[in-house]
N, C-alpha and C. Protein backbone atom coordinates (compact mmCIF):
# COMPACT_ATOMS: atom_id res chain seq x y z
N UNK A 1 8.34 1.56 -18.05
CA UNK A 1 7.50 2.50 -17.32
C UNK A 1 6.68 1.44 -16.44
N UNK A 2 6.24 1.94 -15.27
CA UNK A 2 4.90 0.85 -14.47
C UNK A 2 4.35 2.13 -13.72
N UNK A 3 3.02 2.46 -14.16
CA UNK A 3 1.92 3.08 -13.65
C UNK A 3 1.44 2.38 -12.53
N UNK A 4 1.18 3.09 -11.12
CA UNK A 4 0.63 2.71 -10.17
C UNK A 4 -0.48 3.32 -9.71
N UNK A 5 -2.34 2.42 -9.44
CA UNK A 5 -2.87 3.36 -9.33
C UNK A 5 -3.69 2.95 -7.97
N UNK A 6 -3.71 3.95 -6.97
CA UNK A 6 -4.53 2.86 -5.94
C UNK A 6 -5.66 3.20 -5.69
N UNK A 7 -6.56 2.89 -4.78
CA UNK A 7 -8.28 3.13 -4.55
C UNK A 7 -8.20 2.26 -3.55
N UNK A 8 -9.60 2.59 -3.09
CA UNK A 8 -10.44 1.98 -1.33
C UNK A 8 -10.02 2.62 -0.63
N UNK A 9 -9.58 4.02 -0.16
CA UNK A 9 -9.50 4.76 0.71
C UNK A 9 -11.13 5.46 0.46
N UNK A 10 -11.25 6.15 1.99
CA UNK A 10 -12.34 6.72 2.30
C UNK A 10 -12.27 7.32 3.42
N UNK A 11 -13.63 7.41 4.35
CA UNK A 11 -13.73 7.73 5.59
C UNK A 11 -14.26 6.54 6.32
N UNK A 12 -13.81 6.01 7.39
CA UNK A 12 -13.96 5.40 8.50
C UNK A 12 -13.94 5.51 9.63
N UNK A 13 -14.84 4.98 10.50
CA UNK A 13 -14.76 5.04 11.89
C UNK A 13 -13.90 4.48 12.83
N UNK A 14 -13.20 4.85 13.71
CA UNK A 14 -12.34 4.16 14.55
C UNK A 14 -13.12 2.57 14.80
N UNK A 15 -12.20 1.82 14.54
CA UNK A 15 -12.58 0.21 14.84
C UNK A 15 -12.42 -0.37 13.64
N UNK A 16 -12.99 0.43 12.51
CA UNK A 16 -13.66 -0.05 11.23
C UNK A 16 -12.29 -0.85 10.69
N UNK A 17 -12.48 -1.27 9.64
CA UNK A 17 -11.76 -2.06 8.46
C UNK A 17 -11.98 -1.02 6.94
N UNK A 18 -10.83 -1.08 6.27
CA UNK A 18 -11.00 -0.77 4.54
C UNK A 18 -9.80 -1.74 4.21
N UNK A 19 -10.46 -1.61 2.62
CA UNK A 19 -9.02 -2.40 2.05
C UNK A 19 -8.43 -1.75 0.69
N UNK A 20 -7.04 -1.47 0.62
CA UNK A 20 -6.83 -1.11 -0.54
C UNK A 20 -5.93 -1.60 -1.43
N UNK A 21 -6.32 -0.98 -2.80
CA UNK A 21 -5.94 -1.82 -3.97
C UNK A 21 -5.07 -0.84 -4.32
N UNK A 22 -4.38 -1.49 -5.02
CA UNK A 22 -3.23 -0.80 -6.17
C UNK A 22 -2.49 -1.76 -7.24
N UNK A 23 -3.33 -0.85 -8.54
CA UNK A 23 -3.47 -2.11 -10.00
C UNK A 23 -1.88 -1.51 -10.74
N UNK A 24 -0.80 -2.49 -10.50
CA UNK A 24 0.31 -1.94 -11.91
C UNK A 24 -0.24 -2.55 -13.15
N UNK A 25 0.39 -1.05 -14.05
CA UNK A 25 0.23 -1.33 -15.70
C UNK A 25 1.48 -0.91 -16.05
N UNK A 26 1.84 -1.14 -17.49
CA UNK A 26 2.80 -1.17 -18.42
C UNK A 26 2.90 -2.32 -18.82
N UNK A 27 4.03 -1.51 -19.76
CA UNK A 27 4.64 -3.13 -20.95
C UNK A 27 4.72 -4.42 -20.01
N UNK A 28 4.50 -5.05 -20.44
CA UNK A 28 4.82 -6.61 -20.06
C UNK A 28 6.14 -6.76 -18.99
N UNK A 29 7.20 -6.27 -20.25
CA UNK A 29 8.32 -6.56 -19.41
C UNK A 29 8.67 -5.69 -18.10
N UNK A 30 8.24 -3.91 -18.46
CA UNK A 30 8.46 -3.39 -17.28
C UNK A 30 7.47 -4.47 -16.19
N UNK A 31 6.68 -5.21 -15.78
CA UNK A 31 5.72 -5.72 -15.16
C UNK A 31 6.20 -6.50 -14.46
N UNK A 32 7.45 -7.19 -15.66
CA UNK A 32 8.06 -8.42 -14.74
C UNK A 32 8.91 -8.23 -14.00
N UNK A 33 9.49 -6.91 -14.38
CA UNK A 33 10.51 -6.34 -13.66
C UNK A 33 10.23 -6.20 -12.43
N UNK A 34 9.35 -6.12 -11.98
CA UNK A 34 9.05 -5.64 -10.70
C UNK A 34 9.59 -6.52 -9.60
N UNK A 35 9.83 -6.19 -8.56
CA UNK A 35 10.60 -7.01 -7.72
C UNK A 35 9.68 -6.71 -6.19
N UNK A 36 10.30 -6.01 -5.06
CA UNK A 36 9.04 -5.55 -3.53
C UNK A 36 8.37 -4.67 -3.76
N UNK A 37 7.13 -4.84 -3.30
CA UNK A 37 6.24 -3.72 -3.68
C UNK A 37 5.72 -3.18 -1.72
N UNK A 38 5.31 -1.92 -1.52
CA UNK A 38 5.52 -1.55 -0.50
C UNK A 38 3.99 -1.00 -0.24
N UNK A 39 3.40 -0.78 0.90
CA UNK A 39 2.52 0.31 1.30
C UNK A 39 3.22 1.63 2.32
N UNK A 40 3.00 2.72 2.06
CA UNK A 40 3.52 3.92 2.60
C UNK A 40 2.47 4.94 3.00
N UNK A 41 2.86 5.72 3.96
CA UNK A 41 1.68 6.38 4.25
C UNK A 41 2.58 8.31 4.56
N UNK A 42 1.64 8.65 4.37
CA UNK A 42 1.95 10.23 4.91
C UNK A 42 0.94 10.87 5.65
N UNK A 43 1.13 11.19 6.65
CA UNK A 43 0.04 11.71 7.70
C UNK A 43 0.48 13.15 7.69
N UNK A 44 -0.78 14.13 7.83
CA UNK A 44 -0.45 15.77 7.66
C UNK A 44 0.77 16.07 8.44
N UNK A 45 1.91 16.80 7.68
CA UNK A 45 2.50 17.39 9.02
C UNK A 45 3.88 16.39 9.17
N UNK A 46 3.52 15.29 8.91
CA UNK A 46 4.67 14.34 9.07
C UNK A 46 5.18 13.56 7.68
N UNK A 47 6.38 12.94 8.04
CA UNK A 47 7.28 12.59 6.75
C UNK A 47 6.36 11.16 6.36
N UNK A 48 6.68 10.73 5.18
CA UNK A 48 5.99 9.60 4.43
C UNK A 48 7.31 8.44 5.70
N UNK A 49 6.29 7.13 5.89
CA UNK A 49 6.45 6.30 6.33
C UNK A 49 6.03 4.92 5.84
N UNK A 50 7.35 3.94 6.24
CA UNK A 50 6.83 2.71 5.74
C UNK A 50 5.79 1.94 6.47
N UNK A 51 4.89 1.76 5.69
CA UNK A 51 3.51 0.80 6.13
C UNK A 51 3.85 -0.92 6.38
N UNK A 52 4.17 -1.17 5.04
CA UNK A 52 4.17 -2.75 5.03
C UNK A 52 4.71 -2.94 3.56
N UNK A 53 5.58 -4.31 3.57
CA UNK A 53 6.74 -4.58 2.77
C UNK A 53 6.25 -6.03 2.77
N UNK A 54 6.13 -6.32 0.63
CA UNK A 54 6.05 -7.99 0.38
C UNK A 54 7.10 -8.28 -0.63
N UNK A 55 7.42 -8.94 -0.44
CA UNK A 55 8.45 -9.98 -1.71
C UNK A 55 7.87 -10.44 -3.03
N UNK A 56 8.46 -11.03 -3.78
CA UNK A 56 8.08 -10.98 -4.77
C UNK A 56 7.68 -12.97 -4.51
N UNK A 57 8.32 -13.16 -3.37
CA UNK A 57 7.53 -14.59 -3.04
C UNK A 57 6.28 -14.92 -1.40
N UNK A 58 6.64 -13.31 -0.97
CA UNK A 58 5.60 -13.16 -0.51
C UNK A 58 5.92 -12.81 1.08
N UNK A 59 7.19 -13.21 1.27
CA UNK A 59 7.42 -12.37 2.08
C UNK A 59 7.26 -11.08 2.88
N UNK A 60 6.86 -10.88 4.02
CA UNK A 60 6.34 -9.96 4.14
C UNK A 60 6.85 -9.11 5.86
N UNK A 61 6.75 -7.80 6.30
CA UNK A 61 7.44 -7.53 7.26
C UNK A 61 6.37 -5.77 7.21
N UNK A 62 6.15 -5.31 8.60
CA UNK A 62 5.19 -4.41 8.92
C UNK A 62 6.17 -3.54 10.13
N UNK A 63 5.29 -1.86 9.67
CA UNK A 63 5.67 -1.23 11.02
C UNK A 63 5.15 -1.89 12.42
N UNK A 64 5.91 -1.33 13.17
CA UNK A 64 5.27 -2.06 14.56
C UNK A 64 3.74 -0.92 15.03
N UNK A 65 3.80 -0.35 14.21
CA UNK A 65 2.38 0.38 14.87
C UNK A 65 1.14 -0.06 14.02
N UNK A 66 1.37 -0.93 13.22
CA UNK A 66 0.76 -1.91 12.42
C UNK A 66 0.34 -3.04 12.65
N UNK A 67 1.44 -3.37 13.13
CA UNK A 67 1.53 -5.45 12.85
C UNK A 67 0.50 -5.64 13.80
N UNK A 68 -0.24 -6.60 13.01
CA UNK A 68 -1.81 -7.51 14.20
C UNK A 68 -2.75 -7.03 13.43
N UNK A 69 -2.85 -5.68 12.86
CA UNK A 69 -3.81 -5.05 12.46
C UNK A 69 -4.11 -4.84 11.00
N UNK A 70 -2.92 -4.55 10.59
CA UNK A 70 -2.80 -4.57 9.04
C UNK A 70 -2.05 -5.99 7.94
N UNK A 71 -2.70 -6.15 6.91
CA UNK A 71 -1.84 -7.19 6.11
C UNK A 71 -1.98 -6.97 4.46
N UNK A 72 -0.63 -7.25 4.55
CA UNK A 72 -0.46 -6.68 2.88
C UNK A 72 0.00 -8.08 2.21
N UNK A 73 -0.78 -8.02 0.77
CA UNK A 73 -0.59 -9.12 -0.06
C UNK A 73 -0.63 -8.90 -1.10
N UNK A 74 0.09 -9.89 -2.50
CA UNK A 74 -0.27 -9.28 -3.64
C UNK A 74 -0.78 -10.34 -4.42
N UNK A 75 -1.28 -10.32 -5.43
CA UNK A 75 -1.94 -11.30 -6.42
C UNK A 75 -1.08 -10.64 -7.91
N UNK A 76 -0.09 -11.31 -8.12
CA UNK A 76 0.57 -11.47 -9.49
C UNK A 76 0.36 -11.38 -10.52
N UNK A 77 -0.67 -12.68 -10.42
CA UNK A 77 -1.26 -12.90 -11.95
C UNK A 77 -2.16 -11.41 -12.31
N UNK A 78 -2.82 -10.93 -11.28
CA UNK A 78 -3.33 -9.38 -11.66
C UNK A 78 -3.03 -8.43 -11.47
N UNK A 79 -1.27 -8.24 -10.92
CA UNK A 79 -0.71 -7.23 -10.81
C UNK A 79 -1.17 -5.89 -10.08
N UNK A 80 -1.45 -7.04 -9.07
CA UNK A 80 -2.56 -5.80 -7.63
C UNK A 80 -1.38 -6.61 -6.43
N UNK A 81 -1.58 -5.12 -5.83
CA UNK A 81 -1.10 -5.19 -4.50
C UNK A 81 -1.93 -4.49 -3.40
N UNK A 82 -2.19 -5.53 -2.30
CA UNK A 82 -3.56 -5.18 -1.10
C UNK A 82 -2.98 -4.83 0.22
N UNK A 83 -4.02 -3.86 0.76
CA UNK A 83 -3.49 -3.79 2.16
C UNK A 83 -5.04 -3.68 3.02
N UNK A 84 -5.18 -4.60 3.70
CA UNK A 84 -6.26 -5.06 4.32
C UNK A 84 -6.31 -4.36 6.00
N UNK A 85 -6.78 -3.32 6.12
CA UNK A 85 -6.48 -2.72 7.36
C UNK A 85 -7.87 -3.02 7.99
N UNK A 86 -7.23 -3.19 9.79
CA UNK A 86 -8.58 -3.64 10.84
C UNK A 86 -7.75 -2.93 11.72
N UNK A 87 -9.24 -3.17 12.52
CA UNK A 87 -9.02 -2.08 13.69
C UNK A 87 -8.79 -0.81 13.61
N UNK A 88 -8.62 0.14 12.33
CA UNK A 88 -8.24 1.54 12.54
C UNK A 88 -8.39 2.32 13.66
N UNK A 89 -7.53 3.11 13.52
CA UNK A 89 -7.33 4.02 14.55
C UNK A 89 -7.37 5.54 13.78
N UNK A 90 -7.90 6.89 14.77
CA UNK A 90 -7.47 8.04 14.85
C UNK A 90 -5.73 8.28 13.58
N UNK A 91 -5.36 7.72 14.74
CA UNK A 91 -3.45 8.08 13.88
C UNK A 91 -3.77 7.36 12.87
N UNK A 92 -3.96 6.67 12.49
CA UNK A 92 -3.90 5.42 10.79
C UNK A 92 -4.17 6.88 9.59
N UNK A 93 -4.65 8.07 10.28
CA UNK A 93 -5.14 8.83 9.26
C UNK A 93 -4.38 9.29 8.24
N UNK A 94 -4.22 9.29 6.99
CA UNK A 94 -3.02 9.49 6.26
C UNK A 94 -3.37 9.26 4.66
N UNK A 95 -2.35 9.91 3.97
CA UNK A 95 -2.47 9.65 2.73
C UNK A 95 -1.37 8.05 2.05
N UNK A 96 -2.21 7.45 1.55
CA UNK A 96 -1.63 5.86 1.41
C UNK A 96 -0.87 5.25 -0.03
N UNK A 97 0.30 5.64 -0.01
CA UNK A 97 0.94 5.23 -1.27
C UNK A 97 1.75 4.15 -1.58
N UNK A 98 1.44 3.77 -2.89
CA UNK A 98 1.91 2.34 -3.23
C UNK A 98 3.43 2.39 -4.21
N UNK A 99 4.23 1.33 -3.86
CA UNK A 99 5.53 1.80 -4.33
C UNK A 99 6.16 0.47 -4.81
N UNK A 100 7.11 0.44 -5.80
CA UNK A 100 6.94 -0.69 -6.35
C UNK A 100 8.36 -0.12 -6.96
N UNK A 101 9.43 -1.78 -7.12
CA UNK A 101 10.80 -1.85 -7.63
C UNK A 101 11.16 -2.48 -8.48
N UNK A 102 11.46 -2.17 -9.41
CA UNK A 102 12.08 -3.37 -10.78
C UNK A 102 13.53 -2.53 -11.23
N UNK A 103 14.40 -3.20 -11.48
CA UNK A 103 15.23 -2.83 -12.44
C UNK A 103 16.07 -1.77 -11.86
N UNK A 104 15.89 -1.90 -10.63
CA UNK A 104 16.69 -0.35 -9.99
C UNK A 104 16.28 0.81 -9.74
N UNK A 105 14.90 0.85 -10.53
CA UNK A 105 13.66 1.65 -10.75
C UNK A 105 12.97 1.63 -9.83
N UNK A 106 12.24 3.10 -9.26
CA UNK A 106 11.43 3.02 -8.26
C UNK A 106 9.71 3.68 -8.84
N UNK A 107 8.79 3.17 -8.56
CA UNK A 107 7.70 3.10 -8.82
C UNK A 107 6.38 3.89 -7.83
N UNK A 108 6.11 5.08 -7.52
CA UNK A 108 5.03 5.54 -6.70
C UNK A 108 3.75 5.73 -7.42
N UNK A 109 2.61 5.17 -6.76
CA UNK A 109 1.41 5.72 -6.96
C UNK A 109 1.14 7.39 -6.94
N UNK A 110 0.11 8.03 -6.27
CA UNK A 110 -0.45 9.24 -6.40
C UNK A 110 -0.99 9.02 -4.91
N UNK A 111 -1.55 8.10 -4.47
CA UNK A 111 -1.91 7.82 -3.07
C UNK A 111 -3.49 8.00 -3.07
N UNK A 112 -4.25 7.49 -2.00
CA UNK A 112 -5.47 7.54 -1.63
C UNK A 112 -5.65 7.93 -0.24
N UNK A 113 -6.69 8.64 0.10
CA UNK A 113 -6.52 9.03 1.28
C UNK A 113 -7.62 8.47 2.30
N UNK A 114 -6.75 8.35 3.47
CA UNK A 114 -8.26 6.67 4.75
C UNK A 114 -8.26 8.18 5.60
N UNK A 115 -9.54 8.51 5.84
CA UNK A 115 -9.73 9.13 7.62
C UNK A 115 -10.19 8.47 8.32
N UNK A 116 -9.67 8.18 9.33
CA UNK A 116 -10.35 7.37 10.64
C UNK A 116 -11.20 8.18 11.46
N UNK A 117 -12.22 8.58 11.48
CA UNK A 117 -12.87 9.74 12.05
C UNK A 117 -14.07 9.24 12.91
N UNK A 118 -14.74 9.54 13.68
CA UNK A 118 -15.98 9.59 14.25
C UNK A 118 -16.95 10.49 13.70
């Protein structure tokens, strides 16, 4: 089993930046099994949506709504996934979730709240 714990959320003004982190822990075998990792978000009253995706070799793709503003990265040595968010907008307000897959299993963190407001 893999546990994912997000951090870095908070209140930020429009135009500001935040960096989210997601640390994976568990047995060495479970950690080695992790393939792709993603960030999702869920705004109040809306369905959860994919924000960004990163493969084991660093390939990325993003939702159109965040392209050019958000950057996803991972440090495999630290078992950590990051999401750098710049030029934040009120519509980016949501709970952000970390997701990973490995050996056919899906792992989710409990989320971190990002609020963009003046």
